[in-house]
Amino acid sequence: MPTIDHSVPAHKHQELLTAAIEREGQAQRQLTDGELDAARAGFREVSELYRQSWEAAHAGAFGRLVGMLKAAVLSGGGVEQAQYARAALADADRESPTANYARALAALIAGDDEDARAHARAMGAGGEAFARTAAAIEAIADRDEAAYRAALEAIVRDFERRSEHLTGVAIADTAVMLEALAGRRGMSAAIESAVLPPG
């Protein structure tokens, strides 16, 4: 279990989170503009900022681990961060959909498909958005291309209907991350949308 430095000022975790979101927006713009090398470098920074924010925050801030993992995947990596997240969540809330989202992602990145399926099923109870992403994770773990494409379509169409985005960039970042993971298994859906980077 990673140690948390309790000497960090209480407000520091919020500053780190804000920095992560701002840098994430920059990396997303670079990705949509086709500046792939710059985007990957940016996402590496984003992943580290989310990790630092998690370590400085309260124990229930599981969304920061999700952010860390997503950015790590978009940087072209993720294995080291998956190991970190699995250790960090070893004794965490088993009922939290967000914690189970992080667990499912980490397991999928690590190639532990059985755990990925189990945690995806647990996260799916958190509501429609969780259920859509859980379905995509399960489909990747099952290597079920048809089910994956259907799940990804549902995620993309949901993002297309949104008027606000966390970073201010109209990008279906969850779908982009899932496509990166699916691509590693040769099952990319290659969906086209205004909220997905070209190509």
Protein backbone atom coordinates (compact mmCIF):
# COMPACT_ATOMS: atom_id res chain seq x y z
CA MET A 1 0.00 0.00 0.00
CA PRO A 2 1.57 3.34 -1.04
CA THR A 3 2.36 5.66 1.82
CA ILE A 4 0.69 9.06 1.97
CA ASP A 5 2.69 12.06 3.09
CA HIS A 6 0.47 13.67 5.69
CA SER A 7 2.80 16.67 5.84
CA VAL A 8 1.37 17.84 2.51
CA PRO A 9 -0.90 20.87 3.05
CA ALA A 10 -4.60 20.00 2.88
CA HIS A 11 -5.14 22.24 -0.15
CA LYS A 12 -2.21 20.77 -2.10
CA HIS A 13 -4.20 17.83 -3.44
CA GLN A 14 -6.68 20.23 -5.04
CA GLU A 15 -3.88 22.24 -6.62
CA LEU A 16 -2.43 19.05 -8.07
CA LEU A 17 -5.85 17.95 -9.33
CA THR A 18 -6.41 21.31 -11.01
CA ALA A 19 -2.98 21.10 -12.61
CA ALA A 20 -3.72 17.57 -13.85
CA ILE A 21 -7.00 18.65 -15.45
CA GLU A 22 -5.45 21.70 -17.09
CA ARG A 23 -2.52 19.70 -18.47
CA GLU A 24 -4.93 16.99 -19.60
CA GLY A 25 -6.86 19.53 -21.64
CA GLN A 26 -3.65 20.61 -23.35
CA ALA A 27 -2.71 17.01 -24.14
CA GLN A 28 -6.21 16.33 -25.48
CA ARG A 29 -5.96 19.34 -27.80
CA GLN A 30 -2.61 18.10 -29.05
CA LEU A 31 -4.13 14.67 -29.66
CA THR A 32 -7.04 16.07 -31.64
CA ASP A 33 -4.61 18.25 -33.63
CA GLY A 34 -2.57 15.20 -34.57
CA GLU A 35 0.46 16.16 -32.47
CA LEU A 36 0.87 12.61 -31.23
CA ASP A 37 4.36 12.77 -29.70
CA ALA A 38 3.54 15.95 -27.80
CA ALA A 39 0.23 14.48 -26.65
CA ARG A 40 1.89 11.31 -25.34
CA ALA A 41 4.46 13.36 -23.43
CA GLY A 42 1.65 15.48 -22.03
CA PHE A 43 -0.34 12.47 -20.89
CA ARG A 44 2.72 11.11 -19.08
CA GLU A 45 2.82 14.36 -17.10
CA VAL A 46 -0.93 14.15 -16.50
CA SER A 47 -0.66 10.62 -15.14
CA GLU A 48 2.02 11.66 -12.68
CA LEU A 49 -0.01 14.68 -11.54
CA TYR A 50 -3.06 12.50 -10.89
CA ARG A 51 -0.88 10.08 -8.92
CA GLN A 52 0.54 12.89 -6.79
CA SER A 53 -2.96 14.26 -6.27
CA TRP A 54 -4.19 10.83 -5.13
CA GLU A 55 -1.35 10.51 -2.64
CA ALA A 56 -2.13 13.93 -1.15
CA ALA A 57 -5.92 13.48 -1.08
CA HIS A 58 -8.34 11.60 1.15
CA ALA A 59 -8.53 7.85 0.83
CA GLY A 60 -11.79 7.90 -1.14
CA ALA A 61 -10.56 10.01 -4.07
CA PHE A 62 -10.58 7.00 -6.41
CA GLY A 63 -11.31 9.08 -9.50
CA ARG A 64 -7.72 10.30 -9.41
CA LEU A 65 -6.49 6.75 -9.86
CA VAL A 66 -8.82 6.38 -12.84
CA GLY A 67 -7.39 9.60 -14.25
CA MET A 68 -3.86 8.34 -13.67
CA LEU A 69 -4.56 5.08 -15.50
CA LYS A 70 -6.38 6.68 -18.43
CA ALA A 71 -3.59 9.18 -18.98
CA ALA A 72 -0.95 6.46 -18.68
CA VAL A 73 -2.66 4.41 -21.38
CA LEU A 74 -2.93 7.46 -23.64
CA SER A 75 0.78 8.08 -23.15
CA GLY A 76 1.44 4.63 -24.58
CA GLY A 77 2.14 2.94 -21.25
CA GLY A 78 0.19 1.97 -18.18
CA VAL A 79 1.75 -1.21 -16.80
CA GLU A 80 3.63 0.50 -13.98
CA GLN A 81 0.59 2.60 -13.09
CA ALA A 82 -1.63 -0.49 -13.14
CA GLN A 83 0.64 -2.19 -10.61
CA TYR A 84 0.55 0.94 -8.45
CA ALA A 85 -3.25 1.18 -8.59
CA ARG A 86 -3.77 -2.49 -7.74
CA ALA A 87 -1.56 -2.11 -4.68
CA ALA A 88 -3.24 1.17 -3.67
CA LEU A 89 -6.70 -0.39 -3.92
CA ALA A 90 -5.91 -3.71 -2.23
CA ASP A 91 -7.81 -2.78 0.94
CA ALA A 92 -10.05 -0.05 -0.46
CA ASP A 93 -13.87 0.13 -0.52
CA ARG A 94 -15.19 -2.92 -2.39
CA GLU A 95 -18.57 -1.28 -3.01
CA SER A 96 -17.31 1.93 -4.64
CA PRO A 97 -18.06 1.96 -8.39
CA THR A 98 -15.14 4.34 -8.96
CA ALA A 99 -12.70 2.15 -7.04
CA ASN A 100 -13.93 -0.84 -9.03
CA TYR A 101 -13.51 1.15 -12.26
CA ALA A 102 -9.86 1.74 -11.35
CA ARG A 103 -9.48 -1.92 -10.39
CA ALA A 104 -11.03 -3.08 -13.67
CA LEU A 105 -8.82 -0.80 -15.76
CA ALA A 106 -5.69 -1.80 -13.87
CA ALA A 107 -6.49 -5.48 -14.27
CA LEU A 108 -7.19 -5.09 -17.99
CA ILE A 109 -3.92 -3.22 -18.52
CA ALA A 110 -2.09 -5.94 -16.60
CA GLY A 111 -3.70 -8.67 -18.71
CA ASP A 112 -5.61 -10.11 -15.77
CA ASP A 113 -8.85 -10.63 -17.67
CA GLU A 114 -10.61 -12.57 -14.92
CA ASP A 115 -10.15 -9.72 -12.44
CA ALA A 116 -11.04 -7.17 -15.11
CA ARG A 117 -14.38 -8.91 -15.69
CA ALA A 118 -15.16 -9.19 -11.98
CA HIS A 119 -14.40 -5.57 -11.20
CA ALA A 120 -16.22 -4.38 -14.31
CA ARG A 121 -19.35 -6.20 -13.16
CA ALA A 122 -19.01 -4.53 -9.75
CA MET A 123 -18.54 -1.04 -11.23
CA GLY A 124 -21.51 -1.52 -13.54
CA ALA A 125 -23.89 -1.09 -10.62
CA GLY A 126 -22.82 2.56 -10.29
CA GLY A 127 -25.18 3.92 -12.95
CA GLU A 128 -25.49 4.18 -16.73
CA ALA A 129 -22.08 5.74 -17.41
CA PHE A 130 -20.32 3.12 -15.30
CA ALA A 131 -22.38 0.36 -16.95
CA ARG A 132 -21.44 1.49 -20.47
CA THR A 133 -17.73 1.51 -19.67
CA ALA A 134 -18.00 -1.75 -17.75
CA ALA A 135 -19.55 -3.41 -20.81
CA ALA A 136 -16.64 -2.25 -22.96
CA ILE A 137 -14.05 -3.49 -20.45
CA GLU A 138 -15.74 -6.88 -20.21
CA ALA A 139 -15.89 -7.14 -24.00
CA ILE A 140 -12.17 -6.39 -24.32
CA ALA A 141 -11.40 -8.97 -21.64
CA ASP A 142 -13.58 -11.47 -23.51
CA ARG A 143 -12.08 -10.44 -26.87
CA ASP A 144 -15.64 -10.06 -28.12
CA GLU A 145 -15.31 -7.55 -30.95
CA ALA A 146 -19.03 -7.17 -31.65
CA ALA A 147 -19.89 -6.53 -28.01
CA TYR A 148 -16.96 -4.13 -27.70
CA ARG A 149 -18.01 -2.11 -30.73
CA ALA A 150 -21.59 -1.84 -29.42
CA ALA A 151 -20.38 -0.73 -26.00
CA LEU A 152 -17.97 1.80 -27.50
CA GLU A 153 -20.71 3.20 -29.74
CA ALA A 154 -22.88 3.79 -26.67
CA ILE A 155 -20.03 5.62 -24.90
CA VAL A 156 -19.28 7.81 -27.91
CA ARG A 157 -22.93 8.73 -28.50
CA ASP A 158 -23.23 9.73 -24.84
CA PHE A 159 -20.20 12.03 -25.16
CA GLU A 160 -21.66 13.50 -28.35
CA ARG A 161 -24.73 14.62 -26.38
CA ARG A 162 -22.72 16.34 -23.63
CA SER A 163 -22.53 20.12 -23.55
CA GLU A 164 -19.78 20.23 -20.92
CA HIS A 165 -16.49 18.37 -20.59
CA LEU A 166 -14.20 18.20 -17.55
CA THR A 167 -11.19 19.65 -19.35
CA GLY A 168 -13.15 21.96 -21.65
CA VAL A 169 -12.21 19.82 -24.66
CA ALA A 170 -14.99 18.02 -26.52
CA ILE A 171 -13.33 14.62 -26.64
CA ALA A 172 -14.64 11.21 -25.62
CA ASP A 173 -11.53 10.47 -23.59
CA THR A 174 -12.94 7.26 -22.14
CA ALA A 175 -13.53 5.92 -25.64
CA VAL A 176 -10.05 6.98 -26.80
CA MET A 177 -8.50 5.19 -23.84
CA LEU A 178 -10.57 2.05 -24.45
CA GLU A 179 -9.59 2.09 -28.14
CA ALA A 180 -5.93 2.22 -27.12
CA LEU A 181 -6.42 -0.85 -24.91
CA ALA A 182 -8.49 -2.65 -27.56
CA GLY A 183 -5.86 -1.82 -30.17
CA ARG A 184 -3.25 -3.63 -28.10
CA ARG A 185 -5.35 -6.76 -28.63
CA GLY A 186 -5.99 -6.13 -32.32
CA MET A 187 -9.69 -5.35 -31.85
CA SER A 188 -10.02 -1.59 -32.35
CA ALA A 189 -13.53 -0.56 -33.43
CA ALA A 190 -12.34 2.46 -35.47
CA ILE A 191 -15.52 4.47 -34.88
CA GLU A 192 -15.65 7.95 -36.41
CA SER A 193 -17.09 10.85 -34.44
CA ALA A 194 -16.57 14.57 -33.88
CA VAL A 195 -15.60 13.73 -30.28
CA LEU A 196 -12.83 11.32 -31.34
CA PRO A 197 -9.43 12.24 -32.76
CA PRO A 198 -9.16 11.78 -36.53
CA GLY A 199 -7.72 8.48 -37.66
